[in-house]
Amino acid sequence: MGPELHYQVMINRASELQEEAAAHRRAREAQSDMKAQQRSGHRRLRAAFGKLRTS
């Protein structure tokens, strides 16, 4: 494999890895957003339940 071809393979692989990292990052962000929404929903339910018990 010539140096030019090897360089192109390295560039292509780096690009693929960057795309994979971006997809992984988006998936982690989506998971953390879903967990945050669930937590806020649980907090609201607890708050509402606490208000009902004290009324």
Protein backbone atom coordinates (compact mmCIF):
# COMPACT_ATOMS: atom_id res chain seq x y z
CA MET A 1 0.00 0.00 0.00
CA GLY A 2 1.46 3.31 -1.07
CA PRO A 3 1.74 6.23 1.32
CA GLU A 4 -1.02 8.21 -0.43
CA LEU A 5 -3.45 5.31 -0.23
CA HIS A 6 -2.56 4.68 3.41
CA TYR A 7 -3.14 8.36 4.18
CA GLN A 8 -6.59 8.23 2.52
CA VAL A 9 -7.49 5.10 4.51
CA MET A 10 -6.47 6.87 7.72
CA ILE A 11 -8.55 9.94 6.83
CA ASN A 12 -11.60 7.81 5.99
CA ARG A 13 -11.29 5.80 9.21
CA ALA A 14 -10.92 8.96 11.28
CA SER A 15 -14.06 10.33 9.65
CA GLU A 16 -15.97 7.11 10.39
CA LEU A 17 -14.86 7.18 14.02
CA GLN A 18 -15.93 10.81 14.38
CA GLU A 19 -19.37 9.98 12.98
CA GLU A 20 -19.71 7.03 15.37
CA ALA A 21 -18.67 9.22 18.30
CA ALA A 22 -21.23 11.86 17.34
CA ALA A 23 -23.99 9.24 17.11
CA HIS A 24 -22.98 7.79 20.47
CA ARG A 25 -22.95 11.27 22.01
CA ARG A 26 -26.45 11.99 20.64
CA ALA A 27 -27.73 8.68 22.04
CA ARG A 28 -26.28 9.45 25.49
CA GLU A 29 -27.81 12.94 25.43
CA ALA A 30 -31.20 11.49 24.49
CA GLN A 31 -30.98 8.97 27.33
CA SER A 32 -30.05 11.62 29.88
CA ASP A 33 -32.90 13.85 28.64
CA MET A 34 -35.37 10.98 29.01
CA LYS A 35 -34.12 10.24 32.53
CA ALA A 36 -34.39 13.92 33.48
CA GLN A 37 -37.96 14.04 32.21
CA GLN A 38 -38.84 10.91 34.18
CA ARG A 39 -37.26 12.35 37.33
CA SER A 40 -39.13 15.62 36.99
CA GLY A 41 -42.37 13.68 36.48
CA HIS A 42 -41.72 11.63 39.62
CA ARG A 43 -40.96 14.80 41.56
CA ARG A 44 -44.24 16.35 40.44
CA LEU A 45 -46.14 13.23 41.45
CA ARG A 46 -44.47 13.19 44.85
CA ALA A 47 -45.16 16.88 45.31
CA ALA A 48 -48.82 16.43 44.36
CA PHE A 49 -49.16 13.40 46.62
CA GLY A 50 -47.57 15.28 49.51
CA LYS A 51 -50.00 18.17 49.04
CA LEU A 52 -52.95 15.76 49.02
CA ARG A 53 -51.82 14.04 52.23
CA THR A 54 -51.39 17.32 54.11
CA SER A 55 -54.72 18.77 52.95
